Amino acid sequence: MCQQKGRRSMRSIRRWVPLQRLREFSLLIILIIVVLIFGNQIDNYYTPRTFNRISSTVALITLVAVGQTMVVLTRNVDLSVGSVVGFTAYYVGRYVSKNEDMAPLMLAAMAMGIGAGMGLINGLLVAYGRIPAIVVTLGTMAIYRGVLVEYSDSKSVATRELPDWIKELPQESLFHYGEYELRALPAIALAAVIIFFFLLLYSSLGRRLYAIGSSPAAANLEGIRAPRMVTRAF
């Protein structure tokens, strides 16, 4: 009887959750359970203040994770992403501290350009140099970090040196529900996740990334230029 009930429950789960999504769904359930267990052991954890603070902190990691997902889908990994973010943040922060009238869109374009250039080096070495991604990105991680230390002279950009709009951005609230807030950074991260989700599911880019991750050889036979796509992913 117990086995039959277990089988019925699994069938009902598979009916509502596609088999290829069952793994992700299981991870989501486990994550929720972990949060509930540890959250109940911390005083005042389930409060608006905690939600607002964590959502703002996680937003930056989420944006990085969106880019890393493209690399992972192609059967690769980028260990240098932290060094890329660190170098980009310092360079752009130092630049805007001396040019406070710079437009936000230009600042964002500069940051994306620097990150894309450093990622391009990784992509070319992996895709066309035929060097394993873990070897390439482990090396570039050390190189980028060393360049940052030399360039910055082991110094950081102080918050007081930044324009007011950058300092106020993390606290900027777009929506209120009681004491809960949807701030600017989480909103940007959420928009990026939604756009990326639909790109993966309904665009040729997503299908090509999944095809390369499943079998690079088969993707080449289908006319997909795997090296080019891997480079673009980085």
C-alpha atoms as a PDB file:
ATOM      1  CA  MET A   1       0.000   0.000   0.000  1.00  0.00           C
ATOM      2  CA  CYS A   2       2.748   2.438   0.946  1.00  0.00           C
ATOM      3  CA  GLN A   3       4.647   1.671  -2.250  1.00  0.00           C
ATOM      4  CA  GLN A   4       1.518   2.208  -4.344  1.00  0.00           C
ATOM      5  CA  LYS A   5       0.831   5.535  -2.651  1.00  0.00           C
ATOM      6  CA  GLY A   6       4.448   6.559  -3.201  1.00  0.00           C
ATOM      7  CA  ARG A   7       4.218   5.705  -6.886  1.00  0.00           C
ATOM      8  CA  ARG A   8       0.964   7.615  -7.237  1.00  0.00           C
ATOM      9  CA  SER A   9       2.478  10.684  -5.585  1.00  0.00           C
ATOM     10  CA  MET A  10       5.508  10.539  -7.910  1.00  0.00           C
ATOM     11  CA  ARG A  11       3.203  10.233 -10.928  1.00  0.00           C
ATOM     12  CA  SER A  12       1.183  13.222  -9.797  1.00  0.00           C
ATOM     13  CA  ILE A  13       4.383  15.251  -9.321  1.00  0.00           C
ATOM     14  CA  ARG A  14       5.640  14.302 -12.783  1.00  0.00           C
ATOM     15  CA  ARG A  15       2.269  15.217 -14.246  1.00  0.00           C
ATOM     16  CA  TRP A  16       2.557  18.765 -12.911  1.00  0.00           C
ATOM     17  CA  VAL A  17       6.345  19.115 -13.181  1.00  0.00           C
ATOM     18  CA  PRO A  18       8.057  18.019 -16.438  1.00  0.00           C
ATOM     19  CA  LEU A  19      10.747  15.390 -15.941  1.00  0.00           C
ATOM     20  CA  GLN A  20      13.531  17.678 -17.171  1.00  0.00           C
ATOM     21  CA  ARG A  21      12.449  20.303 -14.589  1.00  0.00           C
ATOM     22  CA  LEU A  22      12.087  17.874 -11.691  1.00  0.00           C
ATOM     23  CA  ARG A  23      15.705  18.348 -10.577  1.00  0.00           C
ATOM     24  CA  GLU A  24      15.412  22.131 -10.437  1.00  0.00           C
ATOM     25  CA  PHE A  25      12.055  21.840  -8.675  1.00  0.00           C
ATOM     26  CA  SER A  26      13.581  19.527  -6.060  1.00  0.00           C
ATOM     27  CA  LEU A  27      16.432  21.986  -5.423  1.00  0.00           C
ATOM     28  CA  LEU A  28      13.905  24.776  -4.932  1.00  0.00           C
ATOM     29  CA  ILE A  29      11.978  22.720  -2.378  1.00  0.00           C
ATOM     30  CA  ILE A  30      15.203  21.855  -0.512  1.00  0.00           C
ATOM     31  CA  LEU A  31      16.230  25.527  -0.469  1.00  0.00           C
ATOM     32  CA  ILE A  32      12.865  26.566   0.962  1.00  0.00           C
ATOM     33  CA  ILE A  33      13.103  23.886   3.659  1.00  0.00           C
ATOM     34  CA  VAL A  34      16.636  24.998   4.623  1.00  0.00           C
ATOM     35  CA  VAL A  35      15.522  28.637   4.884  1.00  0.00           C
ATOM     36  CA  LEU A  36      12.546  27.663   7.041  1.00  0.00           C
ATOM     37  CA  ILE A  37      14.652  25.506   9.376  1.00  0.00           C
ATOM     38  CA  PHE A  38      17.437  28.027   9.967  1.00  0.00           C
ATOM     39  CA  GLY A  39      15.144  31.045   9.821  1.00  0.00           C
ATOM     40  CA  ASN A  40      13.099  29.720  12.728  1.00  0.00           C
ATOM     41  CA  GLN A  41      16.266  29.550  14.836  1.00  0.00           C
ATOM     42  CA  ILE A  42      17.138  33.223  14.330  1.00  0.00           C
ATOM     43  CA  ASP A  43      15.235  35.885  16.247  1.00  0.00           C
ATOM     44  CA  ASN A  44      13.419  38.438  14.085  1.00  0.00           C
ATOM     45  CA  TYR A  45      14.510  36.720  10.868  1.00  0.00           C
ATOM     46  CA  TYR A  46      11.133  36.887   9.147  1.00  0.00           C
ATOM     47  CA  THR A  47      10.902  40.666   9.230  1.00  0.00           C
ATOM     48  CA  PRO A  48      10.665  43.326   6.515  1.00  0.00           C
ATOM     49  CA  ARG A  49      14.092  44.658   7.487  1.00  0.00           C
ATOM     50  CA  THR A  50      15.724  41.267   6.880  1.00  0.00           C
ATOM     51  CA  PHE A  51      13.909  40.859   3.568  1.00  0.00           C
ATOM     52  CA  ASN A  52      14.923  44.302   2.339  1.00  0.00           C
ATOM     53  CA  ARG A  53      18.548  43.830   3.349  1.00  0.00           C
ATOM     54  CA  ILE A  54      18.959  40.312   1.929  1.00  0.00           C
ATOM     55  CA  SER A  55      17.190  41.129  -1.339  1.00  0.00           C
ATOM     56  CA  SER A  56      19.520  44.075  -1.935  1.00  0.00           C
ATOM     57  CA  THR A  57      22.610  42.000  -1.125  1.00  0.00           C
ATOM     58  CA  VAL A  58      21.593  39.024  -3.263  1.00  0.00           C
ATOM     59  CA  ALA A  59      20.741  41.257  -6.237  1.00  0.00           C
ATOM     60  CA  LEU A  60      24.398  41.784  -7.176  1.00  0.00           C
ATOM     61  CA  ILE A  61      25.166  38.061  -6.929  1.00  0.00           C
ATOM     62  CA  THR A  62      22.090  37.314  -9.045  1.00  0.00           C
ATOM     63  CA  LEU A  63      23.294  39.523 -11.889  1.00  0.00           C
ATOM     64  CA  VAL A  64      26.647  37.720 -11.892  1.00  0.00           C
ATOM     65  CA  ALA A  65      24.896  34.339 -11.733  1.00  0.00           C
ATOM     66  CA  VAL A  66      22.840  35.148 -14.827  1.00  0.00           C
ATOM     67  CA  GLY A  67      26.016  35.582 -16.857  1.00  0.00           C
ATOM     68  CA  GLN A  68      27.665  32.531 -15.307  1.00  0.00           C
ATOM     69  CA  THR A  69      24.645  30.413 -16.268  1.00  0.00           C
ATOM     70  CA  MET A  70      25.391  30.891 -19.961  1.00  0.00           C
ATOM     71  CA  VAL A  71      28.907  29.559 -19.452  1.00  0.00           C
ATOM     72  CA  VAL A  72      27.712  26.578 -17.409  1.00  0.00           C
ATOM     73  CA  LEU A  73      25.173  25.639 -20.086  1.00  0.00           C
ATOM     74  CA  THR A  74      28.037  25.140 -22.550  1.00  0.00           C
ATOM     75  CA  ARG A  75      29.744  22.602 -20.245  1.00  0.00           C
ATOM     76  CA  ASN A  76      32.257  25.150 -19.004  1.00  0.00           C
ATOM     77  CA  VAL A  77      32.918  27.133 -15.855  1.00  0.00           C
ATOM     78  CA  ASP A  78      34.342  30.591 -15.189  1.00  0.00           C
ATOM     79  CA  LEU A  79      36.406  30.802 -12.015  1.00  0.00           C
ATOM     80  CA  SER A  80      37.606  34.303 -12.854  1.00  0.00           C
ATOM     81  CA  VAL A  81      34.196  35.943 -12.557  1.00  0.00           C
ATOM     82  CA  GLY A  82      34.985  37.347  -9.095  1.00  0.00           C
ATOM     83  CA  SER A  83      38.215  38.929 -10.320  1.00  0.00           C
ATOM     84  CA  VAL A  84      36.431  40.347 -13.370  1.00  0.00           C
ATOM     85  CA  VAL A  85      33.749  41.920 -11.191  1.00  0.00           C
ATOM     86  CA  GLY A  86      36.356  43.258  -8.761  1.00  0.00           C
ATOM     87  CA  PHE A  87      38.509  44.854 -11.454  1.00  0.00           C
ATOM     88  CA  THR A  88      35.509  46.311 -13.274  1.00  0.00           C
ATOM     89  CA  ALA A  89      34.024  47.721 -10.068  1.00  0.00           C
ATOM     90  CA  TYR A  90      37.293  49.382  -9.061  1.00  0.00           C
ATOM     91  CA  TYR A  91      38.055  50.829 -12.494  1.00  0.00           C
ATOM     92  CA  VAL A  92      34.548  52.194 -13.030  1.00  0.00           C
ATOM     93  CA  GLY A  93      34.341  53.419  -9.433  1.00  0.00           C
ATOM     94  CA  ARG A  94      37.657  55.236  -9.724  1.00  0.00           C
ATOM     95  CA  TYR A  95      36.637  56.747 -13.068  1.00  0.00           C
ATOM     96  CA  VAL A  96      33.234  57.982 -11.907  1.00  0.00           C
ATOM     97  CA  SER A  97      34.737  59.426  -8.715  1.00  0.00           C
ATOM     98  CA  LYS A  98      36.713  61.789 -10.958  1.00  0.00           C
ATOM     99  CA  ASN A  99      33.876  62.332 -13.475  1.00  0.00           C
ATOM    100  CA  GLU A 100      30.747  62.685 -11.357  1.00  0.00           C
ATOM    101  CA  ASP A 101      28.691  64.166 -14.196  1.00  0.00           C
ATOM    102  CA  MET A 102      28.972  60.978 -16.263  1.00  0.00           C
ATOM    103  CA  ALA A 103      25.590  59.614 -17.401  1.00  0.00           C
ATOM    104  CA  PRO A 104      24.475  56.364 -15.716  1.00  0.00           C
ATOM    105  CA  LEU A 105      23.930  54.630 -19.070  1.00  0.00           C
ATOM    106  CA  MET A 106      27.456  55.493 -20.172  1.00  0.00           C
ATOM    107  CA  LEU A 107      28.754  54.172 -16.873  1.00  0.00           C
ATOM    108  CA  ALA A 108      26.839  50.910 -17.322  1.00  0.00           C
ATOM    109  CA  ALA A 109      28.114  50.605 -20.894  1.00  0.00           C
ATOM    110  CA  MET A 110      31.692  51.087 -19.691  1.00  0.00           C
ATOM    111  CA  ALA A 111      31.297  48.396 -17.026  1.00  0.00           C
ATOM    112  CA  MET A 112      29.775  45.923 -19.487  1.00  0.00           C
ATOM    113  CA  GLY A 113      32.467  46.690 -22.039  1.00  0.00           C
ATOM    114  CA  ILE A 114      35.297  46.001 -19.587  1.00  0.00           C
ATOM    115  CA  GLY A 115      33.648  42.804 -18.375  1.00  0.00           C
ATOM    116  CA  ALA A 116      32.973  41.658 -21.937  1.00  0.00           C
ATOM    117  CA  GLY A 117      36.582  42.300 -22.931  1.00  0.00           C
ATOM    118  CA  MET A 118      37.952  40.247 -20.061  1.00  0.00           C
ATOM    119  CA  GLY A 119      35.422  37.507 -20.755  1.00  0.00           C
ATOM    120  CA  LEU A 120      36.400  37.523 -24.422  1.00  0.00           C
ATOM    121  CA  ILE A 121      39.953  36.569 -23.488  1.00  0.00           C
ATOM    122  CA  ASN A 122      38.625  33.581 -21.554  1.00  0.00           C
ATOM    123  CA  GLY A 123      36.282  32.599 -24.359  1.00  0.00           C
ATOM    124  CA  LEU A 124      38.919  32.711 -27.085  1.00  0.00           C
ATOM    125  CA  LEU A 125      41.367  30.618 -25.075  1.00  0.00           C
ATOM    126  CA  VAL A 126      38.698  28.027 -24.244  1.00  0.00           C
ATOM    127  CA  ALA A 127      36.891  27.867 -27.589  1.00  0.00           C
ATOM    128  CA  TYR A 128      39.750  28.283 -30.052  1.00  0.00           C
ATOM    129  CA  GLY A 129      42.770  27.492 -27.903  1.00  0.00           C
ATOM    130  CA  ARG A 130      41.184  24.185 -26.849  1.00  0.00           C
ATOM    131  CA  ILE A 131      42.325  24.728 -23.259  1.00  0.00           C
ATOM    132  CA  PRO A 132      40.002  23.443 -20.491  1.00  0.00           C
ATOM    133  CA  ALA A 133      37.915  26.243 -19.027  1.00  0.00           C
ATOM    134  CA  ILE A 134      38.937  25.473 -15.459  1.00  0.00           C
ATOM    135  CA  VAL A 135      42.617  25.887 -16.410  1.00  0.00           C
ATOM    136  CA  VAL A 136      42.055  29.089 -18.384  1.00  0.00           C
ATOM    137  CA  THR A 137      39.850  30.816 -15.842  1.00  0.00           C
ATOM    138  CA  LEU A 138      41.983  29.742 -12.899  1.00  0.00           C
ATOM    139  CA  GLY A 139      44.934  31.405 -14.621  1.00  0.00           C
ATOM    140  CA  THR A 140      43.064  34.547 -15.656  1.00  0.00           C
ATOM    141  CA  MET A 141      41.600  34.797 -12.157  1.00  0.00           C
ATOM    142  CA  ALA A 142      45.120  35.151 -10.762  1.00  0.00           C
ATOM    143  CA  ILE A 143      46.190  37.483 -13.584  1.00  0.00           C
ATOM    144  CA  TYR A 144      43.171  39.792 -13.284  1.00  0.00           C
ATOM    145  CA  ARG A 145      43.555  39.882  -9.524  1.00  0.00           C
ATOM    146  CA  GLY A 146      47.251  40.699  -9.819  1.00  0.00           C
ATOM    147  CA  VAL A 147      46.554  43.456 -12.337  1.00  0.00           C
ATOM    148  CA  LEU A 148      43.945  44.914  -9.988  1.00  0.00           C
ATOM    149  CA  VAL A 149      46.365  44.928  -7.052  1.00  0.00           C
ATOM    150  CA  GLU A 150      49.035  46.695  -9.115  1.00  0.00           C
ATOM    151  CA  TYR A 151      46.615  49.129 -10.736  1.00  0.00           C
ATOM    152  CA  SER A 152      44.875  50.054  -7.481  1.00  0.00           C
ATOM    153  CA  ASP A 153      48.053  49.988  -5.388  1.00  0.00           C
ATOM    154  CA  SER A 154      46.065  47.804  -2.956  1.00  0.00           C
ATOM    155  CA  LYS A 155      43.621  50.643  -2.339  1.00  0.00           C
ATOM    156  CA  SER A 156      39.845  50.803  -2.673  1.00  0.00           C
ATOM    157  CA  VAL A 157      37.360  53.438  -3.768  1.00  0.00           C
ATOM    158  CA  ALA A 158      35.772  55.057  -0.716  1.00  0.00           C
ATOM    159  CA  THR A 159      32.007  55.483  -0.703  1.00  0.00           C
ATOM    160  CA  ARG A 160      32.360  59.208  -0.036  1.00  0.00           C
ATOM    161  CA  GLU A 161      34.158  59.587  -3.380  1.00  0.00           C
ATOM    162  CA  LEU A 162      31.176  58.324  -5.381  1.00  0.00           C
ATOM    163  CA  PRO A 163      28.342  60.492  -6.749  1.00  0.00           C
ATOM    164  CA  ASP A 164      25.220  60.790  -4.612  1.00  0.00           C
ATOM    165  CA  TRP A 165      23.018  58.856  -7.050  1.00  0.00           C
ATOM    166  CA  ILE A 166      25.229  55.764  -6.735  1.00  0.00           C
ATOM    167  CA  LYS A 167      25.190  55.930  -2.934  1.00  0.00           C
ATOM    168  CA  GLU A 168      21.412  56.356  -2.908  1.00  0.00           C
ATOM    169  CA  LEU A 169      20.657  53.642  -5.485  1.00  0.00           C
ATOM    170  CA  PRO A 170      20.695  50.646  -3.064  1.00  0.00           C
ATOM    171  CA  GLN A 171      18.131  52.426  -0.853  1.00  0.00           C
ATOM    172  CA  GLU A 172      15.917  53.571  -3.733  1.00  0.00           C
ATOM    173  CA  SER A 173      12.465  52.008  -3.302  1.00  0.00           C
ATOM    174  CA  LEU A 174      10.202  51.360  -6.289  1.00  0.00           C
ATOM    175  CA  PHE A 175       7.300  49.658  -4.534  1.00  0.00           C
ATOM    176  CA  HIS A 176       5.986  49.383  -0.971  1.00  0.00           C
ATOM    177  CA  TYR A 177       3.791  46.759   0.628  1.00  0.00           C
ATOM    178  CA  GLY A 178       3.593  47.687   4.267  1.00  0.00           C
ATOM    179  CA  GLU A 179       7.197  47.727   5.449  1.00  0.00           C
ATOM    180  CA  TYR A 180       8.333  45.445   2.631  1.00  0.00           C
ATOM    181  CA  GLU A 181      10.099  47.215  -0.224  1.00  0.00           C
ATOM    182  CA  LEU A 182      11.065  46.382  -3.759  1.00  0.00           C
ATOM    183  CA  ARG A 183      14.267  48.341  -4.155  1.00  0.00           C
ATOM    184  CA  ALA A 184      16.012  49.330  -7.362  1.00  0.00           C
ATOM    185  CA  LEU A 185      18.796  46.723  -7.310  1.00  0.00           C
ATOM    186  CA  PRO A 186      16.498  43.716  -6.679  1.00  0.00           C
ATOM    187  CA  ALA A 187      14.138  45.033  -9.361  1.00  0.00           C
ATOM    188  CA  ILE A 188      16.978  45.203 -11.895  1.00  0.00           C
ATOM    189  CA  ALA A 189      18.125  41.698 -10.938  1.00  0.00           C
ATOM    190  CA  LEU A 190      14.571  40.336 -11.175  1.00  0.00           C
ATOM    191  CA  ALA A 191      14.109  41.895 -14.614  1.00  0.00           C
ATOM    192  CA  ALA A 192      17.410  40.373 -15.778  1.00  0.00           C
ATOM    193  CA  VAL A 193      16.365  36.911 -14.543  1.00  0.00           C
ATOM    194  CA  ILE A 194      12.963  37.104 -16.270  1.00  0.00           C
ATOM    195  CA  ILE A 195      14.442  38.295 -19.572  1.00  0.00           C
ATOM    196  CA  PHE A 196      17.164  35.653 -19.435  1.00  0.00           C
ATOM    197  CA  PHE A 197      14.599  32.950 -18.604  1.00  0.00           C
ATOM    198  CA  PHE A 198      12.535  33.718 -21.693  1.00  0.00           C
ATOM    199  CA  LEU A 199      15.647  33.996 -23.859  1.00  0.00           C
ATOM    200  CA  LEU A 200      16.722  30.502 -22.821  1.00  0.00           C
ATOM    201  CA  LEU A 201      13.295  28.988 -23.405  1.00  0.00           C
ATOM    202  CA  TYR A 202      12.064  30.748 -26.523  1.00  0.00           C
ATOM    203  CA  SER A 203      15.065  32.061 -28.473  1.00  0.00           C
ATOM    204  CA  SER A 204      17.572  30.429 -30.785  1.00  0.00           C
ATOM    205  CA  LEU A 205      20.327  31.551 -28.405  1.00  0.00           C
ATOM    206  CA  GLY A 206      18.945  29.395 -25.610  1.00  0.00           C
ATOM    207  CA  ARG A 207      18.439  26.382 -27.868  1.00  0.00           C
ATOM    208  CA  ARG A 208      21.999  26.650 -29.162  1.00  0.00           C
ATOM    209  CA  LEU A 209      23.461  26.895 -25.664  1.00  0.00           C
ATOM    210  CA  TYR A 210      21.535  23.815 -24.545  1.00  0.00           C
ATOM    211  CA  ALA A 211      22.550  21.960 -27.712  1.00  0.00           C
ATOM    212  CA  ILE A 212      26.243  22.686 -27.148  1.00  0.00           C
ATOM    213  CA  GLY A 213      25.967  21.661 -23.516  1.00  0.00           C
ATOM    214  CA  SER A 214      24.267  18.383 -24.439  1.00  0.00           C
ATOM    215  CA  SER A 215      26.723  17.442 -27.196  1.00  0.00           C
ATOM    216  CA  PRO A 216      29.173  19.853 -28.866  1.00  0.00           C
ATOM    217  CA  ALA A 217      29.828  17.347 -31.669  1.00  0.00           C
ATOM    218  CA  ALA A 218      26.121  16.957 -32.437  1.00  0.00           C
ATOM    219  CA  ALA A 219      25.685  20.736 -32.309  1.00  0.00           C
ATOM    220  CA  ASN A 220      28.431  21.137 -34.922  1.00  0.00           C
ATOM    221  CA  LEU A 221      26.698  18.591 -37.150  1.00  0.00           C
ATOM    222  CA  GLU A 222      23.515  20.657 -36.877  1.00  0.00           C
ATOM    223  CA  GLY A 223      25.385  23.696 -38.170  1.00  0.00           C
ATOM    224  CA  ILE A 224      25.836  25.426 -34.813  1.00  0.00           C
ATOM    225  CA  ARG A 225      29.243  27.063 -34.551  1.00  0.00           C
ATOM    226  CA  ALA A 226      30.130  25.834 -31.094  1.00  0.00           C
ATOM    227  CA  PRO A 227      33.394  27.818 -30.677  1.00  0.00           C
ATOM    228  CA  ARG A 228      31.640  31.068 -31.527  1.00  0.00           C
ATOM    229  CA  MET A 229      28.768  30.360 -29.131  1.00  0.00           C
ATOM    230  CA  VAL A 230      31.159  29.387 -26.324  1.00  0.00           C
ATOM    231  CA  THR A 231      33.070  32.632 -26.843  1.00  0.00           C
ATOM    232  CA  ARG A 232      29.836  34.616 -26.725  1.00  0.00           C
ATOM    233  CA  ALA A 233      28.813  32.830 -23.529  1.00  0.00           C
ATOM    234  CA  PHE A 234      32.011  33.928 -21.784  1.00  0.00           C
END
